[in-house]
Amino acid sequence: MVREGDTLYDIARTELGKASRWGEIYDLNWNQLGNRLDGLTPGMKLVLPADAASQPEVMTRNPGPATGSNATLR
């Protein structure tokens, strides 16, 4: 879940191990974020790539283009 002050870079660094992977999070959540990279709001739940560091609370299918991989919600 997004916390006050979080950015896609911070979330990618924490959950995926590299800030440079922020685009993967954006791509998985474009339907919520649209063209706004600063569109994160506290409490928002983001879909993360399946290899995210945190233990998933909920598993869901990747809503983006057909990749077939599982993703987790943050």
N, C-alpha and C. Protein backbone atom coordinates (compact mmCIF):
# COMPACT_ATOMS: atom_id res chain seq x y z
N MET A 1 0.85 -1.17 0.00
CA MET A 1 0.00 0.00 0.00
C MET A 1 0.90 1.24 0.00
N VAL A 2 0.54 2.22 -0.81
CA VAL A 2 1.32 3.45 -0.93
C VAL A 2 1.21 4.25 0.37
N ARG A 3 2.36 4.74 0.83
CA ARG A 3 2.42 5.59 2.02
C ARG A 3 2.74 7.03 1.61
N GLU A 4 2.44 7.95 2.49
CA GLU A 4 2.73 9.37 2.27
C GLU A 4 4.19 9.54 1.84
N GLY A 5 4.42 10.24 0.75
CA GLY A 5 5.77 10.53 0.28
C GLY A 5 6.38 9.48 -0.63
N ASP A 6 5.73 8.33 -0.82
CA ASP A 6 6.26 7.29 -1.71
C ASP A 6 6.32 7.79 -3.14
N THR A 7 7.33 7.34 -3.86
CA THR A 7 7.44 7.56 -5.30
C THR A 7 7.61 6.20 -5.97
N LEU A 8 7.41 6.14 -7.26
CA LEU A 8 7.62 4.88 -7.97
C LEU A 8 9.07 4.43 -7.85
N TYR A 9 10.00 5.39 -7.83
CA TYR A 9 11.42 5.07 -7.66
C TYR A 9 11.66 4.40 -6.32
N ASP A 10 11.10 4.98 -5.25
CA ASP A 10 11.27 4.43 -3.90
C ASP A 10 10.68 3.03 -3.81
N ILE A 11 9.50 2.86 -4.35
CA ILE A 11 8.84 1.56 -4.28
C ILE A 11 9.63 0.52 -5.06
N ALA A 12 10.12 0.89 -6.24
CA ALA A 12 10.93 -0.04 -7.04
C ALA A 12 12.21 -0.42 -6.30
N ARG A 13 12.86 0.55 -5.68
CA ARG A 13 14.10 0.27 -4.95
C ARG A 13 13.83 -0.68 -3.78
N THR A 14 12.76 -0.41 -3.03
CA THR A 14 12.43 -1.21 -1.86
C THR A 14 11.92 -2.60 -2.22
N GLU A 15 10.99 -2.66 -3.15
CA GLU A 15 10.31 -3.91 -3.46
C GLU A 15 10.99 -4.76 -4.53
N LEU A 16 11.71 -4.11 -5.46
CA LEU A 16 12.31 -4.82 -6.57
C LEU A 16 13.83 -4.81 -6.55
N GLY A 17 14.42 -4.05 -5.63
CA GLY A 17 15.86 -4.02 -5.49
C GLY A 17 16.58 -3.03 -6.37
N LYS A 18 15.88 -2.38 -7.31
CA LYS A 18 16.49 -1.40 -8.21
C LYS A 18 15.49 -0.30 -8.51
N ALA A 19 15.88 0.93 -8.25
CA ALA A 19 15.00 2.07 -8.55
C ALA A 19 14.71 2.15 -10.04
N SER A 20 15.64 1.67 -10.85
CA SER A 20 15.47 1.74 -12.31
C SER A 20 14.32 0.88 -12.82
N ARG A 21 13.74 0.05 -11.97
CA ARG A 21 12.62 -0.80 -12.37
C ARG A 21 11.27 -0.13 -12.14
N TRP A 22 11.27 1.19 -11.86
CA TRP A 22 10.03 1.91 -11.61
C TRP A 22 9.05 1.78 -12.77
N GLY A 23 9.56 1.70 -13.98
CA GLY A 23 8.71 1.61 -15.16
C GLY A 23 7.85 0.35 -15.19
N GLU A 24 8.36 -0.73 -14.61
CA GLU A 24 7.57 -1.96 -14.54
C GLU A 24 6.33 -1.75 -13.67
N ILE A 25 6.52 -1.04 -12.56
CA ILE A 25 5.40 -0.75 -11.67
C ILE A 25 4.41 0.18 -12.38
N TYR A 26 4.94 1.18 -13.05
CA TYR A 26 4.08 2.11 -13.79
C TYR A 26 3.25 1.34 -14.83
N ASP A 27 3.92 0.48 -15.61
CA ASP A 27 3.22 -0.26 -16.66
C ASP A 27 2.11 -1.14 -16.09
N LEU A 28 2.34 -1.75 -14.94
CA LEU A 28 1.33 -2.61 -14.32
C LEU A 28 0.17 -1.82 -13.74
N ASN A 29 0.37 -0.51 -13.53
CA ASN A 29 -0.64 0.31 -12.87
C ASN A 29 -1.07 1.51 -13.70
N TRP A 30 -0.82 1.47 -15.00
CA TRP A 30 -1.15 2.62 -15.86
C TRP A 30 -2.63 2.96 -15.80
N ASN A 31 -3.48 1.96 -15.55
CA ASN A 31 -4.92 2.23 -15.49
C ASN A 31 -5.28 3.12 -14.30
N GLN A 32 -4.50 3.08 -13.22
CA GLN A 32 -4.72 3.95 -12.05
C GLN A 32 -3.98 5.27 -12.18
N LEU A 33 -2.79 5.21 -12.78
CA LEU A 33 -1.91 6.38 -12.80
C LEU A 33 -2.08 7.25 -14.05
N GLY A 34 -2.50 6.65 -15.16
CA GLY A 34 -2.59 7.39 -16.40
C GLY A 34 -1.24 7.95 -16.79
N ASN A 35 -1.20 9.18 -17.23
CA ASN A 35 0.06 9.82 -17.64
C ASN A 35 0.75 10.53 -16.49
N ARG A 36 0.26 10.35 -15.28
CA ARG A 36 0.80 11.08 -14.12
C ARG A 36 1.72 10.20 -13.29
N LEU A 37 3.00 10.44 -13.37
CA LEU A 37 3.95 9.71 -12.54
C LEU A 37 3.85 10.14 -11.09
N ASP A 38 3.28 11.32 -10.85
CA ASP A 38 3.13 11.82 -9.48
C ASP A 38 1.72 11.54 -8.95
N GLY A 39 1.01 10.60 -9.57
CA GLY A 39 -0.37 10.33 -9.21
C GLY A 39 -0.57 9.40 -8.03
N LEU A 40 0.51 9.08 -7.29
CA LEU A 40 0.38 8.21 -6.13
C LEU A 40 -0.31 8.94 -4.98
N THR A 41 -1.23 8.23 -4.34
CA THR A 41 -1.88 8.79 -3.17
C THR A 41 -1.80 7.77 -2.04
N PRO A 42 -1.65 8.24 -0.81
CA PRO A 42 -1.58 7.32 0.33
C PRO A 42 -2.80 6.40 0.34
N GLY A 43 -2.54 5.12 0.59
CA GLY A 43 -3.60 4.12 0.63
C GLY A 43 -3.83 3.40 -0.69
N MET A 44 -3.29 3.95 -1.78
CA MET A 44 -3.44 3.32 -3.10
C MET A 44 -2.76 1.95 -3.08
N LYS A 45 -3.40 0.97 -3.70
CA LYS A 45 -2.81 -0.36 -3.82
C LYS A 45 -2.28 -0.52 -5.23
N LEU A 46 -1.00 -0.85 -5.32
CA LEU A 46 -0.35 -1.02 -6.61
C LEU A 46 -0.09 -2.48 -6.89
N VAL A 47 -0.17 -2.86 -8.14
CA VAL A 47 0.22 -4.18 -8.58
C VAL A 47 1.73 -4.13 -8.80
N LEU A 48 2.44 -5.13 -8.25
CA LEU A 48 3.89 -5.21 -8.40
C LEU A 48 4.25 -6.45 -9.19
N PRO A 49 5.41 -6.45 -9.86
CA PRO A 49 5.87 -7.66 -10.55
C PRO A 49 5.97 -8.83 -9.58
N ALA A 50 5.86 -10.03 -10.10
CA ALA A 50 5.84 -11.23 -9.29
C ALA A 50 7.09 -11.41 -8.44
N ASP A 51 8.22 -10.82 -8.83
CA ASP A 51 9.45 -11.00 -8.06
C ASP A 51 9.66 -9.91 -7.01
N ALA A 52 8.60 -9.22 -6.60
CA ALA A 52 8.69 -8.18 -5.57
C ALA A 52 9.17 -8.80 -4.26
N ALA A 53 9.91 -8.00 -3.47
CA ALA A 53 10.54 -8.48 -2.24
C ALA A 53 9.55 -8.81 -1.13
N SER A 54 8.48 -8.04 -1.01
CA SER A 54 7.56 -8.26 0.10
C SER A 54 6.67 -9.47 -0.16
N GLN A 55 6.22 -10.09 0.91
CA GLN A 55 5.30 -11.20 0.79
C GLN A 55 3.95 -10.67 0.33
N PRO A 56 3.38 -11.26 -0.69
CA PRO A 56 2.11 -10.74 -1.20
C PRO A 56 0.96 -10.99 -0.24
N GLU A 57 0.10 -10.00 -0.10
CA GLU A 57 -1.12 -10.16 0.67
C GLU A 57 -2.20 -10.74 -0.24
N VAL A 58 -2.16 -10.34 -1.49
CA VAL A 58 -3.15 -10.78 -2.46
C VAL A 58 -2.42 -11.08 -3.75
N MET A 59 -2.78 -12.16 -4.38
CA MET A 59 -2.21 -12.48 -5.69
C MET A 59 -3.24 -12.15 -6.76
N THR A 60 -2.78 -11.61 -7.86
CA THR A 60 -3.68 -11.26 -8.96
C THR A 60 -2.94 -11.46 -10.27
N ARG A 61 -3.67 -11.54 -11.34
CA ARG A 61 -3.06 -11.63 -12.66
C ARG A 61 -2.63 -10.24 -13.08
N ASN A 62 -1.59 -10.18 -13.84
CA ASN A 62 -1.08 -8.93 -14.38
C ASN A 62 -2.15 -8.31 -15.28
N PRO A 63 -2.64 -7.10 -14.95
CA PRO A 63 -3.70 -6.51 -15.76
C PRO A 63 -3.21 -5.84 -17.04
N GLY A 64 -1.91 -5.77 -17.21
CA GLY A 64 -1.35 -5.12 -18.38
C GLY A 64 -1.38 -6.03 -19.59
N PRO A 65 -0.57 -5.73 -20.58
CA PRO A 65 -0.50 -6.57 -21.78
C PRO A 65 -0.21 -8.01 -21.41
N ALA A 66 -0.72 -8.93 -22.17
CA ALA A 66 -0.65 -10.35 -21.84
C ALA A 66 0.78 -10.83 -21.66
N THR A 67 1.20 -10.93 -20.39
CA THR A 67 2.51 -11.49 -20.08
C THR A 67 2.35 -12.81 -19.37
N GLY A 68 1.19 -13.03 -18.78
CA GLY A 68 0.90 -14.29 -18.13
C GLY A 68 1.54 -14.47 -16.77
N SER A 69 2.30 -13.50 -16.26
CA SER A 69 2.95 -13.67 -14.97
C SER A 69 2.06 -13.17 -13.84
N ASN A 70 2.23 -13.79 -12.67
CA ASN A 70 1.49 -13.32 -11.50
C ASN A 70 2.12 -12.06 -10.98
N ALA A 71 1.35 -11.24 -10.33
CA ALA A 71 1.84 -10.01 -9.75
C ALA A 71 1.27 -9.88 -8.35
N THR A 72 1.88 -9.03 -7.55
CA THR A 72 1.40 -8.84 -6.19
C THR A 72 0.93 -7.41 -5.99
N LEU A 73 0.07 -7.24 -5.03
CA LEU A 73 -0.40 -5.90 -4.67
C LEU A 73 0.44 -5.38 -3.52
N ARG A 74 0.77 -4.12 -3.56
CA ARG A 74 1.51 -3.49 -2.47
C ARG A 74 0.55 -2.61 -1.75
